[in-house]
Amino acid sequence: EQVGTLPAHASDSPIQHVVVIFQENHSFDNVLG
């Protein structure tokens, strides 16, 4: 179900940029185990 009216959570975070590096095809144990 779509949500358009739920209250957002105000943030005093210093973060101004979110970067997602989206790689391909590995499980956790395969890479970081």
PDB file of all heavy atoms in Angstrom:
ATOM      1  N   GLU A   1       0.842  -1.202   0.000  1.00  0.00           N
ATOM      2  CA  GLU A   1       0.000   0.000   0.000  1.00  0.00           C
ATOM      3  C   GLU A   1       0.870   1.241   0.000  1.00  0.00           C
ATOM      4  O   GLU A   1       1.861   1.325   0.719  1.00  0.00           O
ATOM      5  CB  GLU A   1      -0.898  -0.010   1.240  1.00  0.00           C
ATOM      6  CG  GLU A   1      -1.875   1.160   1.304  1.00  0.00           C
ATOM      7  CD  GLU A   1      -2.766   1.080   2.515  1.00  0.00           C
ATOM      8  OE1 GLU A   1      -2.803   0.012   3.154  1.00  0.00           O
ATOM      9  OE2 GLU A   1      -3.407   2.082   2.841  1.00  0.00           O
ATOM     10  N   GLN A   2       0.493   2.220  -0.782  1.00  0.00           N
ATOM     11  CA  GLN A   2       1.272   3.450  -0.859  1.00  0.00           C
ATOM     12  C   GLN A   2       1.006   4.316   0.368  1.00  0.00           C
ATOM     13  O   GLN A   2      -0.079   4.327   0.928  1.00  0.00           O
ATOM     14  CB  GLN A   2       0.913   4.233  -2.122  1.00  0.00           C
ATOM     15  CG  GLN A   2       1.307   3.505  -3.393  1.00  0.00           C
ATOM     16  CD  GLN A   2       0.939   4.291  -4.610  1.00  0.00           C
ATOM     17  OE1 GLN A   2       0.713   5.483  -4.556  1.00  0.00           O
ATOM     18  NE2 GLN A   2       0.878   3.621  -5.741  1.00  0.00           N
ATOM     19  N   VAL A   3       2.029   5.027   0.779  1.00  0.00           N
ATOM     20  CA  VAL A   3       1.916   5.909   1.921  1.00  0.00           C
ATOM     21  C   VAL A   3       2.288   7.312   1.470  1.00  0.00           C
ATOM     22  O   VAL A   3       3.373   7.532   0.956  1.00  0.00           O
ATOM     23  CB  VAL A   3       2.871   5.464   3.056  1.00  0.00           C
ATOM     24  CG1 VAL A   3       2.744   6.414   4.239  1.00  0.00           C
ATOM     25  CG2 VAL A   3       2.560   4.041   3.476  1.00  0.00           C
ATOM     26  N   GLY A   4       1.398   8.259   1.645  1.00  0.00           N
ATOM     27  CA  GLY A   4       1.725   9.613   1.250  1.00  0.00           C
ATOM     28  C   GLY A   4       1.509  10.624   2.356  1.00  0.00           C
ATOM     29  O   GLY A   4       1.818  11.790   2.210  1.00  0.00           O
ATOM     30  N   THR A   5       0.947  10.172   3.490  1.00  0.00           N
ATOM     31  CA  THR A   5       0.561  11.132   4.517  1.00  0.00           C
ATOM     32  C   THR A   5       1.197  10.849   5.869  1.00  0.00           C
ATOM     33  O   THR A   5       0.912  11.555   6.827  1.00  0.00           O
ATOM     34  CB  THR A   5      -0.968  11.126   4.677  1.00  0.00           C
ATOM     35  OG1 THR A   5      -1.400   9.795   5.001  1.00  0.00           O
ATOM     36  CG2 THR A   5      -1.642  11.579   3.395  1.00  0.00           C
ATOM     37  N   LEU A   6       2.008   9.815   5.985  1.00  0.00           N
ATOM     38  CA  LEU A   6       2.647   9.554   7.259  1.00  0.00           C
ATOM     39  C   LEU A   6       3.636  10.665   7.574  1.00  0.00           C
ATOM     40  O   LEU A   6       4.298  11.193   6.691  1.00  0.00           O
ATOM     41  CB  LEU A   6       3.389   8.207   7.222  1.00  0.00           C
ATOM     42  CG  LEU A   6       2.519   6.948   7.145  1.00  0.00           C
ATOM     43  CD1 LEU A   6       3.409   5.729   7.185  1.00  0.00           C
ATOM     44  CD2 LEU A   6       1.517   6.898   8.280  1.00  0.00           C
ATOM     45  N   PRO A   7       3.764  11.047   8.852  1.00  0.00           N
ATOM     46  CA  PRO A   7       4.698  12.120   9.198  1.00  0.00           C
ATOM     47  C   PRO A   7       6.134  11.704   8.969  1.00  0.00           C
ATOM     48  O   PRO A   7       6.531  10.582   9.285  1.00  0.00           O
ATOM     49  CB  PRO A   7       4.433  12.355  10.687  1.00  0.00           C
ATOM     50  CG  PRO A   7       3.851  11.073  11.183  1.00  0.00           C
ATOM     51  CD  PRO A   7       3.055  10.531  10.034  1.00  0.00           C
ATOM     52  N   ALA A   8       6.929  12.583   8.390  1.00  0.00           N
ATOM     53  CA  ALA A   8       8.352  12.329   8.242  1.00  0.00           C
ATOM     54  C   ALA A   8       9.030  12.558   9.578  1.00  0.00           C
ATOM     55  O   ALA A   8       8.470  13.169  10.481  1.00  0.00           O
ATOM     56  CB  ALA A   8       8.946  13.251   7.181  1.00  0.00           C
ATOM     57  N   HIS A   9      10.245  12.069   9.731  1.00  0.00           N
ATOM     58  CA  HIS A   9      10.991  12.198  10.974  1.00  0.00           C
ATOM     59  C   HIS A   9      12.021  13.304  10.802  1.00  0.00           C
ATOM     60  O   HIS A   9      12.970  13.168  10.027  1.00  0.00           O
ATOM     61  CB  HIS A   9      11.658  10.874  11.321  1.00  0.00           C
ATOM     62  CG  HIS A   9      10.675   9.770  11.531  1.00  0.00           C
ATOM     63  ND1 HIS A   9      10.125   9.483  12.753  1.00  0.00           N
ATOM     64  CD2 HIS A   9      10.112   8.893  10.657  1.00  0.00           C
ATOM     65  CE1 HIS A   9       9.278   8.478  12.638  1.00  0.00           C
ATOM     66  NE2 HIS A   9       9.253   8.096  11.377  1.00  0.00           N
ATOM     67  N   ALA A  10      11.852  14.398  11.496  1.00  0.00           N
ATOM     68  CA  ALA A  10      12.785  15.521  11.385  1.00  0.00           C
ATOM     69  C   ALA A  10      14.176  15.076  11.796  1.00  0.00           C
ATOM     70  O   ALA A  10      14.359  14.242  12.666  1.00  0.00           O
ATOM     71  CB  ALA A  10      12.310  16.668  12.266  1.00  0.00           C
ATOM     72  N   SER A  11      15.186  15.598  11.150  1.00  0.00           N
ATOM     73  CA  SER A  11      16.561  15.179  11.392  1.00  0.00           C
ATOM     74  C   SER A  11      17.460  16.393  11.507  1.00  0.00           C
ATOM     75  O   SER A  11      17.345  17.334  10.732  1.00  0.00           O
ATOM     76  CB  SER A  11      17.038  14.284  10.242  1.00  0.00           C
ATOM     77  OG  SER A  11      18.411  14.011  10.364  1.00  0.00           O
ATOM     78  N   ASP A  12      18.341  16.343  12.521  1.00  0.00           N
ATOM     79  CA  ASP A  12      19.363  17.378  12.623  1.00  0.00           C
ATOM     80  C   ASP A  12      20.701  16.843  12.130  1.00  0.00           C
ATOM     81  O   ASP A  12      21.759  17.322  12.493  1.00  0.00           O
ATOM     82  CB  ASP A  12      19.489  17.879  14.065  1.00  0.00           C
ATOM     83  CG  ASP A  12      19.786  16.749  15.061  1.00  0.00           C
ATOM     84  OD1 ASP A  12      19.922  15.593  14.617  1.00  0.00           O
ATOM     85  OD2 ASP A  12      19.869  17.047  16.264  1.00  0.00           O
ATOM     86  N   SER A  13      20.647  15.863  11.281  1.00  0.00           N
ATOM     87  CA  SER A  13      21.840  15.212  10.745  1.00  0.00           C
ATOM     88  C   SER A  13      22.650  16.171   9.889  1.00  0.00           C
ATOM     89  O   SER A  13      22.095  16.992   9.149  1.00  0.00           O
ATOM     90  CB  SER A  13      21.413  14.010   9.899  1.00  0.00           C
ATOM     91  OG  SER A  13      22.480  13.565   9.091  1.00  0.00           O
ATOM     92  N   PRO A  14      23.988  16.069   9.954  1.00  0.00           N
ATOM     93  CA  PRO A  14      24.827  16.864   9.053  1.00  0.00           C
ATOM     94  C   PRO A  14      24.904  16.287   7.640  1.00  0.00           C
ATOM     95  O   PRO A  14      25.522  16.892   6.763  1.00  0.00           O
ATOM     96  CB  PRO A  14      26.201  16.799   9.732  1.00  0.00           C
ATOM     97  CG  PRO A  14      26.194  15.492  10.451  1.00  0.00           C
ATOM     98  CD  PRO A  14      24.782  15.283  10.915  1.00  0.00           C
ATOM     99  N   ILE A  15      24.278  15.131   7.421  1.00  0.00           N
ATOM    100  CA  ILE A  15      24.343  14.493   6.111  1.00  0.00           C
ATOM    101  C   ILE A  15      23.523  15.280   5.095  1.00  0.00           C
ATOM    102  O   ILE A  15      22.344  15.555   5.297  1.00  0.00           O
ATOM    103  CB  ILE A  15      23.849  13.033   6.182  1.00  0.00           C
ATOM    104  CG1 ILE A  15      24.725  12.212   7.139  1.00  0.00           C
ATOM    105  CG2 ILE A  15      23.823  12.409   4.793  1.00  0.00           C
ATOM    106  CD1 ILE A  15      26.189  12.164   6.758  1.00  0.00           C
ATOM    107  N   GLN A  16      24.169  15.639   4.003  1.00  0.00           N
ATOM    108  CA  GLN A  16      23.504  16.346   2.906  1.00  0.00           C
ATOM    109  C   GLN A  16      23.519  15.546   1.608  1.00  0.00           C
ATOM    110  O   GLN A  16      22.846  15.923   0.643  1.00  0.00           O
ATOM    111  CB  GLN A  16      24.197  17.686   2.670  1.00  0.00           C
ATOM    112  CG  GLN A  16      24.151  18.631   3.861  1.00  0.00           C
ATOM    113  CD  GLN A  16      24.940  19.917   3.616  1.00  0.00           C
ATOM    114  OE1 GLN A  16      25.161  20.324   2.475  1.00  0.00           O
ATOM    115  NE2 GLN A  16      25.382  20.555   4.694  1.00  0.00           N
ATOM    116  N   HIS A  17      24.281  14.449   1.591  1.00  0.00           N
ATOM    117  CA  HIS A  17      24.410  13.642   0.371  1.00  0.00           C
ATOM    118  C   HIS A  17      24.387  12.164   0.743  1.00  0.00           C
ATOM    119  O   HIS A  17      25.137  11.725   1.629  1.00  0.00           O
ATOM    120  CB  HIS A  17      25.728  13.940  -0.352  1.00  0.00           C
ATOM    121  CG  HIS A  17      25.999  15.393  -0.551  1.00  0.00           C
ATOM    122  ND1 HIS A  17      25.401  16.137  -1.550  1.00  0.00           N
ATOM    123  CD2 HIS A  17      26.783  16.260   0.147  1.00  0.00           C
ATOM    124  CE1 HIS A  17      25.818  17.377  -1.467  1.00  0.00           C
ATOM    125  NE2 HIS A  17      26.657  17.489  -0.452  1.00  0.00           N
ATOM    126  N   VAL A  18      23.525  11.396   0.092  1.00  0.00           N
ATOM    127  CA  VAL A  18      23.472   9.948   0.241  1.00  0.00           C
ATOM    128  C   VAL A  18      23.870   9.334  -1.092  1.00  0.00           C
ATOM    129  O   VAL A  18      23.276   9.646  -2.137  1.00  0.00           O
ATOM    130  CB  VAL A  18      22.070   9.464   0.642  1.00  0.00           C
ATOM    131  CG1 VAL A  18      22.005   7.941   0.657  1.00  0.00           C
ATOM    132  CG2 VAL A  18      21.675  10.037   2.002  1.00  0.00           C
ATOM    133  N   VAL A  19      24.887   8.475  -1.052  1.00  0.00           N
ATOM    134  CA  VAL A  19      25.376   7.807  -2.266  1.00  0.00           C
ATOM    135  C   VAL A  19      25.259   6.301  -2.069  1.00  0.00           C
ATOM    136  O   VAL A  19      25.794   5.755  -1.093  1.00  0.00           O
ATOM    137  CB  VAL A  19      26.846   8.179  -2.553  1.00  0.00           C
ATOM    138  CG1 VAL A  19      27.346   7.435  -3.792  1.00  0.00           C
ATOM    139  CG2 VAL A  19      26.993   9.684  -2.733  1.00  0.00           C
ATOM    140  N   VAL A  20      24.558   5.642  -2.973  1.00  0.00           N
ATOM    141  CA  VAL A  20      24.411   4.185  -2.939  1.00  0.00           C
ATOM    142  C   VAL A  20      25.259   3.591  -4.060  1.00  0.00           C
ATOM    143  O   VAL A  20      25.004   3.857  -5.241  1.00  0.00           O
ATOM    144  CB  VAL A  20      22.946   3.756  -3.116  1.00  0.00           C
ATOM    145  CG1 VAL A  20      22.815   2.242  -2.987  1.00  0.00           C
ATOM    146  CG2 VAL A  20      22.041   4.470  -2.111  1.00  0.00           C
ATOM    147  N   ILE A  21      26.289   2.842  -3.709  1.00  0.00           N
ATOM    148  CA  ILE A  21      27.091   2.112  -4.699  1.00  0.00           C
ATOM    149  C   ILE A  21      26.502   0.715  -4.789  1.00  0.00           C
ATOM    150  O   ILE A  21      26.600  -0.079  -3.852  1.00  0.00           O
ATOM    151  CB  ILE A  21      28.575   2.084  -4.293  1.00  0.00           C
ATOM    152  CG1 ILE A  21      29.127   3.510  -4.182  1.00  0.00           C
ATOM    153  CG2 ILE A  21      29.391   1.277  -5.300  1.00  0.00           C
ATOM    154  CD1 ILE A  21      30.571   3.579  -3.695  1.00  0.00           C
ATOM    155  N   PHE A  22      25.865   0.426  -5.922  1.00  0.00           N
ATOM    156  CA  PHE A  22      25.042  -0.786  -6.066  1.00  0.00           C
ATOM    157  C   PHE A  22      25.755  -1.765  -6.982  1.00  0.00           C
ATOM    158  O   PHE A  22      25.673  -1.673  -8.209  1.00  0.00           O
ATOM    159  CB  PHE A  22      23.682  -0.390  -6.626  1.00  0.00           C
ATOM    160  CG  PHE A  22      22.548  -1.298  -6.218  1.00  0.00           C
ATOM    161  CD1 PHE A  22      22.513  -1.909  -4.982  1.00  0.00           C
ATOM    162  CD2 PHE A  22      21.488  -1.517  -7.088  1.00  0.00           C
ATOM    163  CE1 PHE A  22      21.452  -2.718  -4.615  1.00  0.00           C
ATOM    164  CE2 PHE A  22      20.418  -2.315  -6.738  1.00  0.00           C
ATOM    165  CZ  PHE A  22      20.391  -2.925  -5.494  1.00  0.00           C
ATOM    166  N   GLN A  23      26.468  -2.707  -6.373  1.00  0.00           N
ATOM    167  CA  GLN A  23      27.223  -3.715  -7.113  1.00  0.00           C
ATOM    168  C   GLN A  23      26.365  -4.941  -7.392  1.00  0.00           C
ATOM    169  O   GLN A  23      25.186  -4.982  -7.056  1.00  0.00           O
ATOM    170  CB  GLN A  23      28.487  -4.072  -6.325  1.00  0.00           C
ATOM    171  CG  GLN A  23      29.481  -2.908  -6.154  1.00  0.00           C
ATOM    172  CD  GLN A  23      30.121  -2.492  -7.457  1.00  0.00           C
ATOM    173  OE1 GLN A  23      29.775  -1.430  -7.997  1.00  0.00           O
ATOM    174  NE2 GLN A  23      31.053  -3.278  -7.974  1.00  0.00           N
ATOM    175  N   GLU A  24      26.973  -5.957  -8.004  1.00  0.00           N
ATOM    176  CA  GLU A  24      26.215  -7.093  -8.508  1.00  0.00           C
ATOM    177  C   GLU A  24      26.575  -8.417  -7.817  1.00  0.00           C
ATOM    178  O   GLU A  24      27.746  -8.770  -7.689  1.00  0.00           O
ATOM    179  CB  GLU A  24      26.489  -7.268 -10.012  1.00  0.00           C
ATOM    180  CG  GLU A  24      25.844  -6.226 -10.908  1.00  0.00           C
ATOM    181  CD  GLU A  24      24.362  -6.448 -11.058  1.00  0.00           C
ATOM    182  OE1 GLU A  24      23.932  -7.601 -11.253  1.00  0.00           O
ATOM    183  OE2 GLU A  24      23.617  -5.468 -10.960  1.00  0.00           O
ATOM    184  N   ASN A  25      25.563  -9.124  -7.331  1.00  0.00           N
ATOM    185  CA  ASN A  25      25.554 -10.582  -7.219  1.00  0.00           C
ATOM    186  C   ASN A  25      26.552 -11.223  -6.263  1.00  0.00           C
ATOM    187  O   ASN A  25      27.330 -12.086  -6.669  1.00  0.00           O
ATOM    188  CB  ASN A  25      25.761 -11.186  -8.613  1.00  0.00           C
ATOM    189  CG  ASN A  25      24.677 -10.815  -9.595  1.00  0.00           C
ATOM    190  OD1 ASN A  25      23.860  -9.949  -9.314  1.00  0.00           O
ATOM    191  ND2 ASN A  25      24.663 -11.457 -10.742  1.00  0.00           N
ATOM    192  N   HIS A  26      26.469 -10.871  -4.988  1.00  0.00           N
ATOM    193  CA  HIS A  26      27.283 -11.558  -3.987  1.00  0.00           C
ATOM    194  C   HIS A  26      26.555 -11.595  -2.653  1.00  0.00           C
ATOM    195  O   HIS A  26      25.903 -10.626  -2.258  1.00  0.00           O
ATOM    196  CB  HIS A  26      28.638 -10.857  -3.805  1.00  0.00           C
ATOM    197  CG  HIS A  26      29.533 -10.979  -4.987  1.00  0.00           C
ATOM    198  ND1 HIS A  26      30.365 -12.058  -5.196  1.00  0.00           N
ATOM    199  CD2 HIS A  26      29.705 -10.169  -6.061  1.00  0.00           C
ATOM    200  CE1 HIS A  26      31.025 -11.902  -6.327  1.00  0.00           C
ATOM    201  NE2 HIS A  26      30.627 -10.759  -6.880  1.00  0.00           N
ATOM    202  N   SER A  27      26.712 -12.706  -1.948  1.00  0.00           N
ATOM    203  CA  SER A  27      26.163 -12.841  -0.602  1.00  0.00           C
ATOM    204  C   SER A  27      27.140 -12.283   0.427  1.00  0.00           C
ATOM    205  O   SER A  27      28.315 -12.035   0.129  1.00  0.00           O
ATOM    206  CB  SER A  27      25.875 -14.311  -0.301  1.00  0.00           C
ATOM    207  OG  SER A  27      27.097 -15.024  -0.140  1.00  0.00           O
ATOM    208  N   PHE A  28      26.658 -12.157   1.656  1.00  0.00           N
ATOM    209  CA  PHE A  28      27.496 -11.614   2.721  1.00  0.00           C
ATOM    210  C   PHE A  28      28.695 -12.507   2.996  1.00  0.00           C
ATOM    211  O   PHE A  28      29.844 -12.042   3.027  1.00  0.00           O
ATOM    212  CB  PHE A  28      26.666 -11.420   3.998  1.00  0.00           C
ATOM    213  CG  PHE A  28      27.448 -10.763   5.103  1.00  0.00           C
ATOM    214  CD1 PHE A  28      27.420  -9.392   5.253  1.00  0.00           C
ATOM    215  CD2 PHE A  28      28.224 -11.513   5.983  1.00  0.00           C
ATOM    216  CE1 PHE A  28      28.153  -8.772   6.264  1.00  0.00           C
ATOM    217  CE2 PHE A  28      28.954 -10.910   6.997  1.00  0.00           C
ATOM    218  CZ  PHE A  28      28.922  -9.529   7.133  1.00  0.00           C
ATOM    219  N   ASP A  29      28.459 -13.799   3.212  1.00  0.00           N
ATOM    220  CA  ASP A  29      29.580 -14.691   3.525  1.00  0.00           C
ATOM    221  C   ASP A  29      30.588 -14.766   2.389  1.00  0.00           C
ATOM    222  O   ASP A  29      31.786 -14.934   2.623  1.00  0.00           O
ATOM    223  CB  ASP A  29      29.070 -16.102   3.852  1.00  0.00           C
ATOM    224  CG  ASP A  29      28.572 -16.224   5.286  1.00  0.00           C
ATOM    225  OD1 ASP A  29      29.003 -15.435   6.139  1.00  0.00           O
ATOM    226  OD2 ASP A  29      27.739 -17.119   5.546  1.00  0.00           O
ATOM    227  N   ASN A  30      30.122 -14.629   1.169  1.00  0.00           N
ATOM    228  CA  ASN A  30      31.011 -14.684   0.018  1.00  0.00           C
ATOM    229  C   ASN A  30      31.979 -13.508  -0.008  1.00  0.00           C
ATOM    230  O   ASN A  30      33.136 -13.652  -0.422  1.00  0.00           O
ATOM    231  CB  ASN A  30      30.176 -14.717  -1.266  1.00  0.00           C
ATOM    232  CG  ASN A  30      30.999 -14.745  -2.525  1.00  0.00           C
ATOM    233  OD1 ASN A  30      31.001 -13.782  -3.292  1.00  0.00           O
ATOM    234  ND2 ASN A  30      31.702 -15.837  -2.766  1.00  0.00           N
ATOM    235  N   VAL A  31      31.542 -12.338   0.463  1.00  0.00           N
ATOM    236  CA  VAL A  31      32.369 -11.127   0.397  1.00  0.00           C
ATOM    237  C   VAL A  31      33.006 -10.771   1.740  1.00  0.00           C
ATOM    238  O   VAL A  31      34.187 -10.430   1.796  1.00  0.00           O
ATOM    239  CB  VAL A  31      31.536  -9.940  -0.140  1.00  0.00           C
ATOM    240  CG1 VAL A  31      32.324  -8.639  -0.080  1.00  0.00           C
ATOM    241  CG2 VAL A  31      31.089 -10.215  -1.572  1.00  0.00           C
ATOM    242  N   LEU A  32      32.246 -10.857   2.816  1.00  0.00           N
ATOM    243  CA  LEU A  32      32.737 -10.368   4.105  1.00  0.00           C
ATOM    244  C   LEU A  32      32.856 -11.446   5.174  1.00  0.00           C
ATOM    245  O   LEU A  32      33.329 -11.165   6.286  1.00  0.00           O
ATOM    246  CB  LEU A  32      31.825  -9.248   4.618  1.00  0.00           C
ATOM    247  CG  LEU A  32      31.813  -7.967   3.769  1.00  0.00           C
ATOM    248  CD1 LEU A  32      30.775  -6.983   4.310  1.00  0.00           C
ATOM    249  CD2 LEU A  32      33.187  -7.314   3.726  1.00  0.00           C
ATOM    250  N   GLY A  33      32.437 -12.656   4.866  1.00  0.00           N
ATOM    251  CA  GLY A  33      32.473 -13.711   5.871  1.00  0.00           C
ATOM    252  C   GLY A  33      33.865 -13.976   6.409  1.00  0.00           C
ATOM    253  O   GLY A  33      34.065 -14.140   7.622  1.00  0.00           O
TER     254      GLY A  33
END
